Amino acid sequence: MDQVTTSQGVQAHIAEAFGQFADSFARLSDEQLEQPGVEADWSVKDILAHITFWHNRMALLIATAQRGEPPATLRQPGEDSAAAVDRVNAQNYAANADRPLAEVRAAFEQSYQHALATVARLSDADLADDSPICQALGGSLLALIAGDTYDHYAEHLPSIQALRP
């Protein structure tokens, strides 16, 4: 799909991709959702907790940028971006490992609604690369949104689809 550049278009793209992603695990049993090995040691439950974190982080970054504040960095001294993401993902995995599936699923749904509502409050002008939000973020708002929503769902979708008969 061509890159969308309007708030309404981005919302529609997120909703469509989320629907596909949610459908990928809708008919899986609780046992299947908690079975490790879907992606390395991760289960579908772990993937949902992972995406929940990134939904919430995206919403926080946007709110911070709307206030004109610089984004909080994940990187620690001497750490590159990839290492920071790996560390944060490992911390999130450990933090959610013992959470009940129902709780993780509810948090996942809530984080999706929060992410979608955050995007709904953006104007088309906010999405432009020269907007004050992009300047505060130090990069593309569209890339941030895509990376933490529809592109992120697409990244994990094949692993989950492989579980279905």
C-alpha atoms as a PDB file:
ATOM      1  CA  MET A   1       0.000   0.000   0.000  1.00  0.00           C
ATOM      2  CA  ASP A   2       1.221   3.506  -0.756  1.00  0.00           C
ATOM      3  CA  GLN A   3       2.176   5.546   2.273  1.00  0.00           C
ATOM      4  CA  VAL A   4      -0.828   7.322   3.689  1.00  0.00           C
ATOM      5  CA  THR A   5      -0.352  10.946   4.672  1.00  0.00           C
ATOM      6  CA  THR A   6      -3.671  12.031   6.174  1.00  0.00           C
ATOM      7  CA  SER A   7      -4.820  11.414   9.705  1.00  0.00           C
ATOM      8  CA  GLN A   8      -7.972   9.714   8.480  1.00  0.00           C
ATOM      9  CA  GLY A   9      -5.975   7.551   6.066  1.00  0.00           C
ATOM     10  CA  VAL A  10      -3.493   6.558   8.761  1.00  0.00           C
ATOM     11  CA  GLN A  11      -6.343   5.644  11.128  1.00  0.00           C
ATOM     12  CA  ALA A  12      -7.977   3.499   8.456  1.00  0.00           C
ATOM     13  CA  HIS A  13      -4.687   1.780   7.655  1.00  0.00           C
ATOM     14  CA  ILE A  14      -4.050   1.051  11.333  1.00  0.00           C
ATOM     15  CA  ALA A  15      -7.568  -0.340  11.796  1.00  0.00           C
ATOM     16  CA  GLU A  16      -7.329  -2.555   8.707  1.00  0.00           C
ATOM     17  CA  ALA A  17      -3.919  -3.942   9.669  1.00  0.00           C
ATOM     18  CA  PHE A  18      -5.011  -4.436  13.273  1.00  0.00           C
ATOM     19  CA  GLY A  19      -8.063  -6.388  12.100  1.00  0.00           C
ATOM     20  CA  GLN A  20      -5.847  -8.728  10.076  1.00  0.00           C
ATOM     21  CA  PHE A  21      -3.455  -9.109  12.982  1.00  0.00           C
ATOM     22  CA  ALA A  22      -6.222  -9.794  15.522  1.00  0.00           C
ATOM     23  CA  ASP A  23      -7.830 -12.303  13.142  1.00  0.00           C
ATOM     24  CA  SER A  24      -4.545 -14.207  12.987  1.00  0.00           C
ATOM     25  CA  PHE A  25      -4.910 -15.359  16.589  1.00  0.00           C
ATOM     26  CA  ALA A  26      -8.664 -15.049  17.165  1.00  0.00           C
ATOM     27  CA  ARG A  27      -9.338 -18.772  16.798  1.00  0.00           C
ATOM     28  CA  LEU A  28      -6.283 -20.000  18.668  1.00  0.00           C
ATOM     29  CA  SER A  29      -6.820 -21.662  22.027  1.00  0.00           C
ATOM     30  CA  ASP A  30      -5.429 -20.198  25.215  1.00  0.00           C
ATOM     31  CA  GLU A  31      -2.908 -23.029  25.206  1.00  0.00           C
ATOM     32  CA  GLN A  32      -1.756 -22.082  21.704  1.00  0.00           C
ATOM     33  CA  LEU A  33      -1.538 -18.411  22.665  1.00  0.00           C
ATOM     34  CA  GLU A  34       0.762 -19.242  25.557  1.00  0.00           C
ATOM     35  CA  GLN A  35       2.928 -21.798  23.760  1.00  0.00           C
ATOM     36  CA  PRO A  36       6.542 -20.570  23.505  1.00  0.00           C
ATOM     37  CA  GLY A  37       8.434 -20.826  20.254  1.00  0.00           C
ATOM     38  CA  VAL A  38       6.310 -18.669  17.969  1.00  0.00           C
ATOM     39  CA  GLU A  39       9.236 -16.254  17.632  1.00  0.00           C
ATOM     40  CA  ALA A  40      12.324 -17.570  19.398  1.00  0.00           C
ATOM     41  CA  ASP A  41      11.131 -18.067  23.008  1.00  0.00           C
ATOM     42  CA  TRP A  42       8.112 -15.808  22.579  1.00  0.00           C
ATOM     43  CA  SER A  43       4.505 -16.974  22.550  1.00  0.00           C
ATOM     44  CA  VAL A  44       1.623 -15.086  20.948  1.00  0.00           C
ATOM     45  CA  LYS A  45       0.889 -13.751  24.440  1.00  0.00           C
ATOM     46  CA  ASP A  46       4.441 -12.393  24.583  1.00  0.00           C
ATOM     47  CA  ILE A  47       4.037 -10.781  21.159  1.00  0.00           C
ATOM     48  CA  LEU A  48       0.820  -9.096  22.341  1.00  0.00           C
ATOM     49  CA  ALA A  49       2.590  -7.751  25.445  1.00  0.00           C
ATOM     50  CA  HIS A  50       5.442  -6.570  23.214  1.00  0.00           C
ATOM     51  CA  ILE A  51       3.138  -4.685  20.850  1.00  0.00           C
ATOM     52  CA  THR A  52       1.267  -3.244  23.838  1.00  0.00           C
ATOM     53  CA  PHE A  53       4.510  -1.692  25.054  1.00  0.00           C
ATOM     54  CA  TRP A  54       5.218  -0.121  21.654  1.00  0.00           C
ATOM     55  CA  HIS A  55       1.630   1.155  21.244  1.00  0.00           C
ATOM     56  CA  ASN A  56       1.893   2.883  24.613  1.00  0.00           C
ATOM     57  CA  ARG A  57       5.374   4.230  23.920  1.00  0.00           C
ATOM     58  CA  MET A  58       4.202   5.704  20.607  1.00  0.00           C
ATOM     59  CA  ALA A  59       1.292   7.463  22.319  1.00  0.00           C
ATOM     60  CA  LEU A  60       3.643   8.798  25.021  1.00  0.00           C
ATOM     61  CA  LEU A  61       6.157  10.065  22.444  1.00  0.00           C
ATOM     62  CA  ILE A  62       3.427  11.850  20.507  1.00  0.00           C
ATOM     63  CA  ALA A  63       2.003  13.461  23.660  1.00  0.00           C
ATOM     64  CA  THR A  64       5.494  14.568  24.699  1.00  0.00           C
ATOM     65  CA  ALA A  65       6.194  16.002  21.232  1.00  0.00           C
ATOM     66  CA  GLN A  66       2.853  17.834  21.216  1.00  0.00           C
ATOM     67  CA  ARG A  67       4.009  19.625  24.351  1.00  0.00           C
ATOM     68  CA  GLY A  68       7.210  20.537  22.478  1.00  0.00           C
ATOM     69  CA  GLU A  69       9.352  18.423  24.757  1.00  0.00           C
ATOM     70  CA  PRO A  70      12.157  16.211  23.457  1.00  0.00           C
ATOM     71  CA  PRO A  71      11.402  12.497  23.424  1.00  0.00           C
ATOM     72  CA  ALA A  72      12.752  10.285  26.176  1.00  0.00           C
ATOM     73  CA  THR A  73      15.443   8.092  24.717  1.00  0.00           C
ATOM     74  CA  LEU A  74      15.634   4.367  25.237  1.00  0.00           C
ATOM     75  CA  ARG A  75      19.371   4.329  24.695  1.00  0.00           C
ATOM     76  CA  GLN A  76      21.772   4.110  27.567  1.00  0.00           C
ATOM     77  CA  PRO A  77      25.293   5.530  27.343  1.00  0.00           C
ATOM     78  CA  GLY A  78      27.376   3.570  24.850  1.00  0.00           C
ATOM     79  CA  GLU A  79      24.346   1.745  23.452  1.00  0.00           C
ATOM     80  CA  ASP A  80      23.197   1.949  19.845  1.00  0.00           C
ATOM     81  CA  SER A  81      19.518   2.009  18.876  1.00  0.00           C
ATOM     82  CA  ALA A  82      19.314  -1.699  18.009  1.00  0.00           C
ATOM     83  CA  ALA A  83      20.863  -2.718  21.339  1.00  0.00           C
ATOM     84  CA  ALA A  84      18.481  -0.398  23.187  1.00  0.00           C
ATOM     85  CA  VAL A  85      15.446  -1.911  21.456  1.00  0.00           C
ATOM     86  CA  ASP A  86      16.704  -5.439  22.190  1.00  0.00           C
ATOM     87  CA  ARG A  87      17.255  -4.556  25.858  1.00  0.00           C
ATOM     88  CA  VAL A  88      13.834  -2.921  26.223  1.00  0.00           C
ATOM     89  CA  ASN A  89      12.135  -5.839  24.486  1.00  0.00           C
ATOM     90  CA  ALA A  90      13.892  -8.306  26.812  1.00  0.00           C
ATOM     91  CA  GLN A  91      12.867  -6.256  29.866  1.00  0.00           C
ATOM     92  CA  ASN A  92       9.275  -6.105  28.651  1.00  0.00           C
ATOM     93  CA  TYR A  93       9.271  -9.860  28.004  1.00  0.00           C
ATOM     94  CA  ALA A  94      10.498 -10.543  31.550  1.00  0.00           C
ATOM     95  CA  ALA A  95       8.010  -8.083  33.063  1.00  0.00           C
ATOM     96  CA  ASN A  96       5.068  -9.776  31.344  1.00  0.00           C
ATOM     97  CA  ALA A  97       6.111 -13.427  31.461  1.00  0.00           C
ATOM     98  CA  ASP A  98       3.940 -14.282  34.464  1.00  0.00           C
ATOM     99  CA  ARG A  99       0.969 -12.054  33.650  1.00  0.00           C
ATOM    100  CA  PRO A 100      -2.240 -13.944  32.962  1.00  0.00           C
ATOM    101  CA  LEU A 101      -3.258 -14.203  29.326  1.00  0.00           C
ATOM    102  CA  ALA A 102      -6.581 -12.431  29.927  1.00  0.00           C
ATOM    103  CA  GLU A 103      -4.763  -9.476  31.463  1.00  0.00           C
ATOM    104  CA  VAL A 104      -2.290  -9.280  28.558  1.00  0.00           C
ATOM    105  CA  ARG A 105      -5.110  -9.450  26.011  1.00  0.00           C
ATOM    106  CA  ALA A 106      -7.059  -6.698  27.782  1.00  0.00           C
ATOM    107  CA  ALA A 107      -3.969  -4.485  27.956  1.00  0.00           C
ATOM    108  CA  PHE A 108      -3.289  -5.167  24.272  1.00  0.00           C
ATOM    109  CA  GLU A 109      -6.797  -4.103  23.271  1.00  0.00           C
ATOM    110  CA  GLN A 110      -6.630  -1.035  25.517  1.00  0.00           C
ATOM    111  CA  SER A 111      -3.245  -0.012  24.088  1.00  0.00           C
ATOM    112  CA  TYR A 112      -4.594  -0.353  20.549  1.00  0.00           C
ATOM    113  CA  GLN A 113      -7.560   1.879  21.381  1.00  0.00           C
ATOM    114  CA  HIS A 114      -5.201   4.384  23.017  1.00  0.00           C
ATOM    115  CA  ALA A 115      -2.864   4.375  19.999  1.00  0.00           C
ATOM    116  CA  LEU A 116      -5.767   4.815  17.594  1.00  0.00           C
ATOM    117  CA  ALA A 117      -7.249   7.649  19.676  1.00  0.00           C
ATOM    118  CA  THR A 118      -3.850   9.339  19.785  1.00  0.00           C
ATOM    119  CA  VAL A 119      -3.610   9.240  15.996  1.00  0.00           C
ATOM    120  CA  ALA A 120      -7.217  10.433  15.678  1.00  0.00           C
ATOM    121  CA  ARG A 121      -6.284  13.620  17.537  1.00  0.00           C
ATOM    122  CA  LEU A 122      -3.566  14.432  14.985  1.00  0.00           C
ATOM    123  CA  SER A 123      -4.252  16.783  12.119  1.00  0.00           C
ATOM    124  CA  ASP A 124      -2.996  16.257   8.600  1.00  0.00           C
ATOM    125  CA  ALA A 125      -0.580  19.146   9.216  1.00  0.00           C
ATOM    126  CA  ASP A 126       0.831  17.319  12.273  1.00  0.00           C
ATOM    127  CA  LEU A 127       1.864  14.439  10.018  1.00  0.00           C
ATOM    128  CA  ALA A 128       3.940  16.632   7.689  1.00  0.00           C
ATOM    129  CA  ASP A 129       7.690  16.173   8.058  1.00  0.00           C
ATOM    130  CA  ASP A 130       8.139  19.869   8.887  1.00  0.00           C
ATOM    131  CA  SER A 131       5.504  19.930  11.646  1.00  0.00           C
ATOM    132  CA  PRO A 132       6.394  20.979  15.195  1.00  0.00           C
ATOM    133  CA  ILE A 133       5.694  17.410  16.351  1.00  0.00           C
ATOM    134  CA  CYS A 134       8.186  15.964  13.855  1.00  0.00           C
ATOM    135  CA  GLN A 135      10.709  18.600  14.879  1.00  0.00           C
ATOM    136  CA  ALA A 136      10.269  17.693  18.556  1.00  0.00           C
ATOM    137  CA  LEU A 137      10.570  13.994  17.707  1.00  0.00           C
ATOM    138  CA  GLY A 138      13.608  14.600  15.550  1.00  0.00           C
ATOM    139  CA  GLY A 139      12.115  12.478  12.791  1.00  0.00           C
ATOM    140  CA  SER A 140       9.044  11.398  10.882  1.00  0.00           C
ATOM    141  CA  LEU A 141       5.805  11.043  12.807  1.00  0.00           C
ATOM    142  CA  LEU A 142       4.432   8.828  10.022  1.00  0.00           C
ATOM    143  CA  ALA A 143       7.415   6.485  10.411  1.00  0.00           C
ATOM    144  CA  LEU A 144       6.901   6.347  14.186  1.00  0.00           C
ATOM    145  CA  ILE A 145       3.217   5.514  13.797  1.00  0.00           C
ATOM    146  CA  ALA A 146       3.834   2.897  11.101  1.00  0.00           C
ATOM    147  CA  GLY A 147       6.647   1.276  13.071  1.00  0.00           C
ATOM    148  CA  ASP A 148       4.545   0.903  16.197  1.00  0.00           C
ATOM    149  CA  THR A 149       1.273  -0.074  14.514  1.00  0.00           C
ATOM    150  CA  TYR A 150       0.638  -1.433  11.010  1.00  0.00           C
ATOM    151  CA  ASP A 151       4.251  -2.204  10.070  1.00  0.00           C
ATOM    152  CA  HIS A 152       4.730  -3.782  13.486  1.00  0.00           C
ATOM    153  CA  TYR A 153       1.673  -5.994  13.061  1.00  0.00           C
ATOM    154  CA  ALA A 154       2.955  -7.077   9.640  1.00  0.00           C
ATOM    155  CA  GLU A 155       6.325  -7.959  11.167  1.00  0.00           C
ATOM    156  CA  HIS A 156       4.784 -10.466  13.586  1.00  0.00           C
ATOM    157  CA  LEU A 157       1.842 -11.643  11.464  1.00  0.00           C
ATOM    158  CA  PRO A 158       3.583 -14.474   9.558  1.00  0.00           C
ATOM    159  CA  SER A 159       4.785 -16.172  12.746  1.00  0.00           C
ATOM    160  CA  ILE A 160       1.291 -16.204  14.187  1.00  0.00           C
ATOM    161  CA  GLN A 161      -0.341 -17.257  10.921  1.00  0.00           C
ATOM    162  CA  ALA A 162       2.021 -20.231  10.819  1.00  0.00           C
ATOM    163  CA  LEU A 163       0.259 -21.595  13.922  1.00  0.00           C
ATOM    164  CA  ARG A 164      -3.046 -21.969  12.148  1.00  0.00           C
ATOM    165  CA  PRO A 165      -3.880 -25.290  10.495  1.00  0.00           C
END
